[in-house]
């Protein structure tokens, strides 16, 4: 079973998280926070997409390392957006 739309959303969210985090690192002030906030939302979206794919049976159980990495990335972005 596959879901092309969910796969596209996951890919777009992962790309957005990475690209906005990178772009934010070169900014200052409100622009920096804005990019990090977008990256945070995208990282959360990607994690939910992964868990949805798991729940629908499109992928096997997510490895603990994947869950830990996503939680660490999201936690870091939460800290830098405060």
PDB file of N, CA and C in Angstrom:
ATOM      1  N   UNK A   1       0.842  -1.190   0.000  1.00  0.00           N
ATOM      2  CA  UNK A   1       0.000   0.000   0.000  1.00  0.00           C
ATOM      3  C   UNK A   1       0.872   1.233   0.000  1.00  0.00           C
ATOM      4  N   UNK A   2       0.375   2.250  -0.696  1.00  0.00           N
ATOM      5  CA  UNK A   2       1.111   3.505  -0.787  1.00  0.00           C
ATOM      6  C   UNK A   2       0.143   4.679  -0.774  1.00  0.00           C
ATOM      7  N   UNK A   3       0.660   5.825  -0.397  1.00  0.00           N
ATOM      8  CA  UNK A   3      -0.108   7.069  -0.415  1.00  0.00           C
ATOM      9  C   UNK A   3       0.820   8.147  -0.950  1.00  0.00           C
ATOM     10  N   UNK A   4       0.690   8.444  -2.232  1.00  0.00           N
ATOM     11  CA  UNK A   4       1.585   9.399  -2.884  1.00  0.00           C
ATOM     12  C   UNK A   4       1.478  10.787  -2.260  1.00  0.00           C
ATOM     13  N   UNK A   5       0.281  11.180  -1.863  1.00  0.00           N
ATOM     14  CA  UNK A   5       0.096  12.512  -1.270  1.00  0.00           C
ATOM     15  C   UNK A   5       0.804  12.611   0.082  1.00  0.00           C
ATOM     16  N   UNK A   6       0.678  11.587   0.904  1.00  0.00           N
ATOM     17  CA  UNK A   6       1.365  11.592   2.198  1.00  0.00           C
ATOM     18  C   UNK A   6       2.877  11.590   1.994  1.00  0.00           C
ATOM     19  N   UNK A   7       3.351  10.822   1.036  1.00  0.00           N
ATOM     20  CA  UNK A   7       4.791  10.792   0.741  1.00  0.00           C
ATOM     21  C   UNK A   7       5.280  12.167   0.288  1.00  0.00           C
ATOM     22  N   UNK A   8       4.487  12.848  -0.545  1.00  0.00           N
ATOM     23  CA  UNK A   8       4.859  14.190  -1.005  1.00  0.00           C
ATOM     24  C   UNK A   8       4.886  15.167   0.166  1.00  0.00           C
ATOM     25  N   UNK A   9       3.877  15.096   1.026  1.00  0.00           N
ATOM     26  CA  UNK A   9       3.842  15.991   2.186  1.00  0.00           C
ATOM     27  C   UNK A   9       5.029  15.744   3.106  1.00  0.00           C
ATOM     28  N   UNK A  10       5.372  14.492   3.309  1.00  0.00           N
ATOM     29  CA  UNK A  10       6.518  14.160   4.150  1.00  0.00           C
ATOM     30  C   UNK A  10       7.795  14.722   3.550  1.00  0.00           C
ATOM     31  N   UNK A  11       7.995  14.498   2.258  1.00  0.00           N
ATOM     32  CA  UNK A  11       9.197  15.007   1.583  1.00  0.00           C
ATOM     33  C   UNK A  11       9.259  16.533   1.668  1.00  0.00           C
ATOM     34  N   UNK A  12       8.140  17.202   1.384  1.00  0.00           N
ATOM     35  CA  UNK A  12       8.108  18.664   1.432  1.00  0.00           C
ATOM     36  C   UNK A  12       8.376  19.184   2.840  1.00  0.00           C
ATOM     37  N   UNK A  13       7.801  18.530   3.852  1.00  0.00           N
ATOM     38  CA  UNK A  13       7.997  18.971   5.235  1.00  0.00           C
ATOM     39  C   UNK A  13       9.447  18.793   5.669  1.00  0.00           C
ATOM     40  N   UNK A  14      10.052  17.665   5.308  1.00  0.00           N
ATOM     41  CA  UNK A  14      11.465  17.448   5.656  1.00  0.00           C
ATOM     42  C   UNK A  14      12.358  18.470   4.967  1.00  0.00           C
ATOM     43  N   UNK A  15      12.092  18.732   3.683  1.00  0.00           N
ATOM     44  CA  UNK A  15      12.873  19.738   2.960  1.00  0.00           C
ATOM     45  C   UNK A  15      12.698  21.116   3.581  1.00  0.00           C
ATOM     46  N   UNK A  16      11.463  21.474   3.913  1.00  0.00           N
ATOM     47  CA  UNK A  16      11.191  22.783   4.505  1.00  0.00           C
ATOM     48  C   UNK A  16      11.885  22.939   5.852  1.00  0.00           C
ATOM     49  N   UNK A  17      11.841  21.905   6.675  1.00  0.00           N
ATOM     50  CA  UNK A  17      12.497  21.976   7.985  1.00  0.00           C
ATOM     51  C   UNK A  17      13.990  22.215   7.823  1.00  0.00           C
ATOM     52  N   UNK A  18      14.616  21.446   6.963  1.00  0.00           N
ATOM     53  CA  UNK A  18      16.066  21.577   6.772  1.00  0.00           C
ATOM     54  C   UNK A  18      16.435  22.922   6.157  1.00  0.00           C
ATOM     55  N   UNK A  19      15.719  23.324   5.125  1.00  0.00           N
ATOM     56  CA  UNK A  19      16.066  24.563   4.422  1.00  0.00           C
ATOM     57  C   UNK A  19      15.807  25.796   5.280  1.00  0.00           C
ATOM     58  N   UNK A  20      14.697  25.817   6.015  1.00  0.00           N
ATOM     59  CA  UNK A  20      14.414  26.974   6.866  1.00  0.00           C
ATOM     60  C   UNK A  20      15.358  27.054   8.053  1.00  0.00           C
ATOM     61  N   UNK A  21      15.744  25.915   8.610  1.00  0.00           N
ATOM     62  CA  UNK A  21      16.730  25.933   9.699  1.00  0.00           C
ATOM     63  C   UNK A  21      18.057  26.477   9.193  1.00  0.00           C
ATOM     64  N   UNK A  22      18.463  26.044   8.017  1.00  0.00           N
ATOM     65  CA  UNK A  22      19.725  26.528   7.443  1.00  0.00           C
ATOM     66  C   UNK A  22      19.652  28.017   7.140  1.00  0.00           C
ATOM     67  N   UNK A  23      18.550  28.454   6.540  1.00  0.00           N
ATOM     68  CA  UNK A  23      18.419  29.874   6.212  1.00  0.00           C
ATOM     69  C   UNK A  23      18.346  30.721   7.480  1.00  0.00           C
ATOM     70  N   UNK A  24      17.655  30.230   8.491  1.00  0.00           N
ATOM     71  CA  UNK A  24      17.558  30.965   9.746  1.00  0.00           C
ATOM     72  C   UNK A  24      18.898  31.147  10.430  1.00  0.00           C
ATOM     73  N   UNK A  25      19.796  30.203  10.238  1.00  0.00           N
ATOM     74  CA  UNK A  25      21.099  30.294  10.907  1.00  0.00           C
ATOM     75  C   UNK A  25      21.935  31.464  10.404  1.00  0.00           C
ATOM     76  N   UNK A  26      21.606  31.987   9.226  1.00  0.00           N
ATOM     77  CA  UNK A  26      22.328  33.137   8.677  1.00  0.00           C
ATOM     78  C   UNK A  26      21.620  34.462   8.938  1.00  0.00           C
ATOM     79  N   UNK A  27      20.497  34.429   9.642  1.00  0.00           N
ATOM     80  CA  UNK A  27      19.708  35.631   9.890  1.00  0.00           C
ATOM     81  C   UNK A  27      19.888  36.100  11.332  1.00  0.00           C
ATOM     82  N   UNK A  28      19.347  37.254  11.610  1.00  0.00           N
ATOM     83  CA  UNK A  28      19.378  37.824  12.959  1.00  0.00           C
ATOM     84  C   UNK A  28      17.968  38.257  13.354  1.00  0.00           C
ATOM     85  N   UNK A  29      17.743  38.370  14.638  1.00  0.00           N
ATOM     86  CA  UNK A  29      16.507  38.932  15.165  1.00  0.00           C
ATOM     87  C   UNK A  29      15.255  38.194  14.736  1.00  0.00           C
ATOM     88  N   UNK A  30      14.225  38.982  14.376  1.00  0.00           N
ATOM     89  CA  UNK A  30      12.917  38.422  14.043  1.00  0.00           C
ATOM     90  C   UNK A  30      12.970  37.521  12.814  1.00  0.00           C
ATOM     91  N   UNK A  31      13.836  37.845  11.853  1.00  0.00           N
ATOM     92  CA  UNK A  31      13.947  37.000  10.650  1.00  0.00           C
ATOM     93  C   UNK A  31      14.453  35.611  11.017  1.00  0.00           C
ATOM     94  N   UNK A  32      15.411  35.568  11.926  1.00  0.00           N
ATOM     95  CA  UNK A  32      15.952  34.282  12.374  1.00  0.00           C
ATOM     96  C   UNK A  32      14.860  33.457  13.057  1.00  0.00           C
ATOM     97  N   UNK A  33      14.155  34.083  13.991  1.00  0.00           N
ATOM     98  CA  UNK A  33      13.092  33.389  14.719  1.00  0.00           C
ATOM     99  C   UNK A  33      12.009  32.923  13.754  1.00  0.00           C
ATOM    100  N   UNK A  34      11.653  33.748  12.774  1.00  0.00           N
ATOM    101  CA  UNK A  34      10.626  33.371  11.807  1.00  0.00           C
ATOM    102  C   UNK A  34      11.023  32.110  11.044  1.00  0.00           C
ATOM    103  N   UNK A  35      12.244  32.058  10.557  1.00  0.00           N
ATOM    104  CA  UNK A  35      12.697  30.863   9.829  1.00  0.00           C
ATOM    105  C   UNK A  35      12.706  29.639  10.740  1.00  0.00           C
ATOM    106  N   UNK A  36      13.139  29.814  11.976  1.00  0.00           N
ATOM    107  CA  UNK A  36      13.155  28.689  12.908  1.00  0.00           C
ATOM    108  C   UNK A  36      11.735  28.236  13.260  1.00  0.00           C
ATOM    109  N   UNK A  37      10.799  29.169  13.356  1.00  0.00           N
ATOM    110  CA  UNK A  37       9.399  28.799  13.618  1.00  0.00           C
ATOM    111  C   UNK A  37       8.825  27.987  12.458  1.00  0.00           C
ATOM    112  N   UNK A  38       9.133  28.400  11.245  1.00  0.00           N
ATOM    113  CA  UNK A  38       8.681  27.641  10.075  1.00  0.00           C
ATOM    114  C   UNK A  38       9.318  26.257  10.082  1.00  0.00           C
ATOM    115  N   UNK A  39      10.613  26.196  10.380  1.00  0.00           N
ATOM    116  CA  UNK A  39      11.307  24.906  10.453  1.00  0.00           C
ATOM    117  C   UNK A  39      10.672  24.012  11.515  1.00  0.00           C
ATOM    118  N   UNK A  40      10.308  24.595  12.650  1.00  0.00           N
ATOM    119  CA  UNK A  40       9.679  23.836  13.728  1.00  0.00           C
ATOM    120  C   UNK A  40       8.345  23.245  13.274  1.00  0.00           C
ATOM    121  N   UNK A  41       7.517  24.064  12.666  1.00  0.00           N
ATOM    122  CA  UNK A  41       6.232  23.568  12.169  1.00  0.00           C
ATOM    123  C   UNK A  41       6.415  22.456  11.152  1.00  0.00           C
ATOM    124  N   UNK A  42       7.386  22.618  10.280  1.00  0.00           N
ATOM    125  CA  UNK A  42       7.649  21.602   9.260  1.00  0.00           C
ATOM    126  C   UNK A  42       8.190  20.317   9.873  1.00  0.00           C
ATOM    127  N   UNK A  43       9.055  20.436  10.878  1.00  0.00           N
ATOM    128  CA  UNK A  43       9.579  19.243  11.550  1.00  0.00           C
ATOM    129  C   UNK A  43       8.453  18.488  12.252  1.00  0.00           C
ATOM    130  N   UNK A  44       7.560  19.220  12.893  1.00  0.00           N
ATOM    131  CA  UNK A  44       6.418  18.573  13.545  1.00  0.00           C
ATOM    132  C   UNK A  44       5.527  17.885  12.511  1.00  0.00           C
ATOM    133  N   UNK A  45       5.289  18.567  11.395  1.00  0.00           N
ATOM    134  CA  UNK A  45       4.479  17.985  10.326  1.00  0.00           C
ATOM    135  C   UNK A  45       5.121  16.699   9.799  1.00  0.00           C
ATOM    136  N   UNK A  46       6.430  16.725   9.605  1.00  0.00           N
ATOM    137  CA  UNK A  46       7.136  15.546   9.099  1.00  0.00           C
ATOM    138  C   UNK A  46       7.015  14.381  10.080  1.00  0.00           C
ATOM    139  N   UNK A  47       7.155  14.661  11.358  1.00  0.00           N
ATOM    140  CA  UNK A  47       7.077  13.599  12.361  1.00  0.00           C
ATOM    141  C   UNK A  47       5.675  12.989  12.380  1.00  0.00           C
ATOM    142  N   UNK A  48       4.664  13.833  12.287  1.00  0.00           N
ATOM    143  CA  UNK A  48       3.289  13.325  12.246  1.00  0.00           C
ATOM    144  C   UNK A  48       3.060  12.515  10.971  1.00  0.00           C
ATOM    145  N   UNK A  49       3.611  12.960   9.857  1.00  0.00           N
ATOM    146  CA  UNK A  49       3.473  12.205   8.604  1.00  0.00           C
ATOM    147  C   UNK A  49       4.124  10.829   8.727  1.00  0.00           C
ATOM    148  N   UNK A  50       5.282  10.769   9.367  1.00  0.00           N
ATOM    149  CA  UNK A  50       5.934   9.475   9.590  1.00  0.00           C
ATOM    150  C   UNK A  50       5.069   8.563  10.460  1.00  0.00           C
ATOM    151  N   UNK A  51       4.497   9.138  11.516  1.00  0.00           N
ATOM    152  CA  UNK A  51       3.655   8.331  12.403  1.00  0.00           C
ATOM    153  C   UNK A  51       2.358   7.918  11.717  1.00  0.00           C
ATOM    154  N   UNK A  52       1.831   8.788  10.844  1.00  0.00           N
ATOM    155  CA  UNK A  52       0.634   8.424  10.078  1.00  0.00           C
ATOM    156  C   UNK A  52       0.947   7.283   9.116  1.00  0.00           C
ATOM    157  N   UNK A  53       2.085   7.371   8.439  1.00  0.00           N
ATOM    158  CA  UNK A  53       2.491   6.296   7.525  1.00  0.00           C
ATOM    159  C   UNK A  53       2.640   4.979   8.282  1.00  0.00           C
ATOM    160  N   UNK A  54       3.168   5.069   9.484  1.00  0.00           N
ATOM    161  CA  UNK A  54       3.304   3.879  10.332  1.00  0.00           C
ATOM    162  C   UNK A  54       1.920   3.340  10.704  1.00  0.00           C
ATOM    163  N   UNK A  55       1.025   4.226  11.118  1.00  0.00           N
ATOM    164  CA  UNK A  55      -0.313   3.811  11.547  1.00  0.00           C
ATOM    165  C   UNK A  55      -1.111   3.187  10.400  1.00  0.00           C
ATOM    166  N   UNK A  56      -0.950   3.714   9.202  1.00  0.00           N
ATOM    167  CA  UNK A  56      -1.660   3.188   8.032  1.00  0.00           C
ATOM    168  C   UNK A  56      -1.008   1.927   7.475  1.00  0.00           C
ATOM    169  N   UNK A  57       0.144   1.569   7.995  1.00  0.00           N
ATOM    170  CA  UNK A  57       0.824   0.368   7.524  1.00  0.00           C
ATOM    171  C   UNK A  57       1.627   0.569   6.255  1.00  0.00           C
ATOM    172  N   UNK A  58       1.905   1.838   5.902  1.00  0.00           N
ATOM    173  CA  UNK A  58       2.705   2.121   4.705  1.00  0.00           C
ATOM    174  C   UNK A  58       4.180   1.854   4.952  1.00  0.00           C
ATOM    175  N   UNK A  59       4.586   1.944   6.211  1.00  0.00           N
ATOM    176  CA  UNK A  59       5.964   1.642   6.615  1.00  0.00           C
ATOM    177  C   UNK A  59       5.892   0.767   7.861  1.00  0.00           C
ATOM    178  N   UNK A  60       6.992   0.115   8.159  1.00  0.00           N
ATOM    179  CA  UNK A  60       7.059  -0.676   9.382  1.00  0.00           C
ATOM    180  C   UNK A  60       7.182   0.233  10.594  1.00  0.00           C
ATOM    181  N   UNK A  61       7.327  -0.352  11.758  1.00  0.00           N
ATOM    182  CA  UNK A  61       7.497   0.444  12.973  1.00  0.00           C
ATOM    183  C   UNK A  61       8.702   1.378  12.852  1.00  0.00           C
ATOM    184  N   UNK A  62       8.504   2.626  13.274  1.00  0.00           N
ATOM    185  CA  UNK A  62       9.604   3.587  13.226  1.00  0.00           C
ATOM    186  C   UNK A  62      10.672   3.180  14.232  1.00  0.00           C
ATOM    187  N   UNK A  63      11.919   3.137  13.807  1.00  0.00           N
ATOM    188  CA  UNK A  63      12.995   2.807  14.744  1.00  0.00           C
ATOM    189  C   UNK A  63      13.088   3.856  15.858  1.00  0.00           C
ATOM    190  N   UNK A  64      13.488   3.410  17.035  1.00  0.00           N
ATOM    191  CA  UNK A  64      13.649   4.330  18.163  1.00  0.00           C
ATOM    192  C   UNK A  64      14.595   5.471  17.810  1.00  0.00           C
ATOM    193  N   UNK A  65      15.611   5.190  17.011  1.00  0.00           N
ATOM    194  CA  UNK A  65      16.572   6.227  16.624  1.00  0.00           C
ATOM    195  C   UNK A  65      15.899   7.336  15.812  1.00  0.00           C
ATOM    196  N   UNK A  66      14.966   6.974  14.949  1.00  0.00           N
ATOM    197  CA  UNK A  66      14.236   7.976  14.163  1.00  0.00           C
ATOM    198  C   UNK A  66      13.380   8.827  15.091  1.00  0.00           C
ATOM    199  N   UNK A  67      12.658   8.183  15.987  1.00  0.00           N
ATOM    200  CA  UNK A  67      11.825   8.933  16.938  1.00  0.00           C
ATOM    201  C   UNK A  67      12.685   9.870  17.796  1.00  0.00           C
ATOM    202  N   UNK A  68      13.812   9.368  18.280  1.00  0.00           N
ATOM    203  CA  UNK A  68      14.696  10.179  19.123  1.00  0.00           C
ATOM    204  C   UNK A  68      15.263  11.356  18.341  1.00  0.00           C
ATOM    205  N   UNK A  69      15.647  11.128  17.105  1.00  0.00           N
ATOM    206  CA  UNK A  69      16.198  12.211  16.286  1.00  0.00           C
ATOM    207  C   UNK A  69      15.149  13.279  16.025  1.00  0.00           C
ATOM    208  N   UNK A  70      13.946  12.864  15.662  1.00  0.00           N
ATOM    209  CA  UNK A  70      12.887  13.844  15.409  1.00  0.00           C
ATOM    210  C   UNK A  70      12.571  14.632  16.678  1.00  0.00           C
ATOM    211  N   UNK A  71      12.485  13.949  17.816  1.00  0.00           N
ATOM    212  CA  UNK A  71      12.227  14.652  19.079  1.00  0.00           C
ATOM    213  C   UNK A  71      13.356  15.615  19.424  1.00  0.00           C
ATOM    214  N   UNK A  72      14.595  15.240  19.146  1.00  0.00           N
ATOM    215  CA  UNK A  72      15.738  16.117  19.426  1.00  0.00           C
ATOM    216  C   UNK A  72      15.704  17.350  18.520  1.00  0.00           C
ATOM    217  N   UNK A  73      15.429  17.157  17.242  1.00  0.00           N
ATOM    218  CA  UNK A  73      15.350  18.288  16.307  1.00  0.00           C
ATOM    219  C   UNK A  73      14.231  19.230  16.727  1.00  0.00           C
ATOM    220  N   UNK A  74      13.068  18.683  17.014  1.00  0.00           N
ATOM    221  CA  UNK A  74      11.933  19.509  17.432  1.00  0.00           C
ATOM    222  C   UNK A  74      12.256  20.233  18.738  1.00  0.00           C
ATOM    223  N   UNK A  75      12.853  19.543  19.690  1.00  0.00           N
ATOM    224  CA  UNK A  75      13.227  20.173  20.958  1.00  0.00           C
ATOM    225  C   UNK A  75      14.205  21.317  20.781  1.00  0.00           C
ATOM    226  N   UNK A  76      15.180  21.126  19.911  1.00  0.00           N
ATOM    227  CA  UNK A  76      16.156  22.188  19.640  1.00  0.00           C
ATOM    228  C   UNK A  76      15.473  23.392  19.017  1.00  0.00           C
ATOM    229  N   UNK A  77      14.583  23.153  18.062  1.00  0.00           N
ATOM    230  CA  UNK A  77      13.890  24.266  17.411  1.00  0.00           C
ATOM    231  C   UNK A  77      12.959  24.989  18.383  1.00  0.00           C
ATOM    232  N   UNK A  78      12.346  24.259  19.300  1.00  0.00           N
ATOM    233  CA  UNK A  78      11.515  24.909  20.326  1.00  0.00           C
ATOM    234  C   UNK A  78      12.379  25.858  21.150  1.00  0.00           C
ATOM    235  N   UNK A  79      13.561  25.408  21.548  1.00  0.00           N
ATOM    236  CA  UNK A  79      14.448  26.244  22.370  1.00  0.00           C
ATOM    237  C   UNK A  79      14.881  27.505  21.637  1.00  0.00           C
ATOM    238  N   UNK A  80      15.215  27.386  20.361  1.00  0.00           N
ATOM    239  CA  UNK A  80      15.727  28.568  19.648  1.00  0.00           C
ATOM    240  C   UNK A  80      14.621  29.513  19.197  1.00  0.00           C
ATOM    241  N   UNK A  81      13.359  29.115  19.329  1.00  0.00           N
ATOM    242  CA  UNK A  81      12.267  30.019  18.963  1.00  0.00           C
ATOM    243  C   UNK A  81      11.699  30.757  20.163  1.00  0.00           C
ATOM    244  N   UNK A  82      12.214  30.480  21.342  1.00  0.00           N
ATOM    245  CA  UNK A  82      11.716  31.171  22.545  1.00  0.00           C
ATOM    246  C   UNK A  82      12.363  32.507  22.703  1.00  0.00           C
TER     247      UNK A  82
END
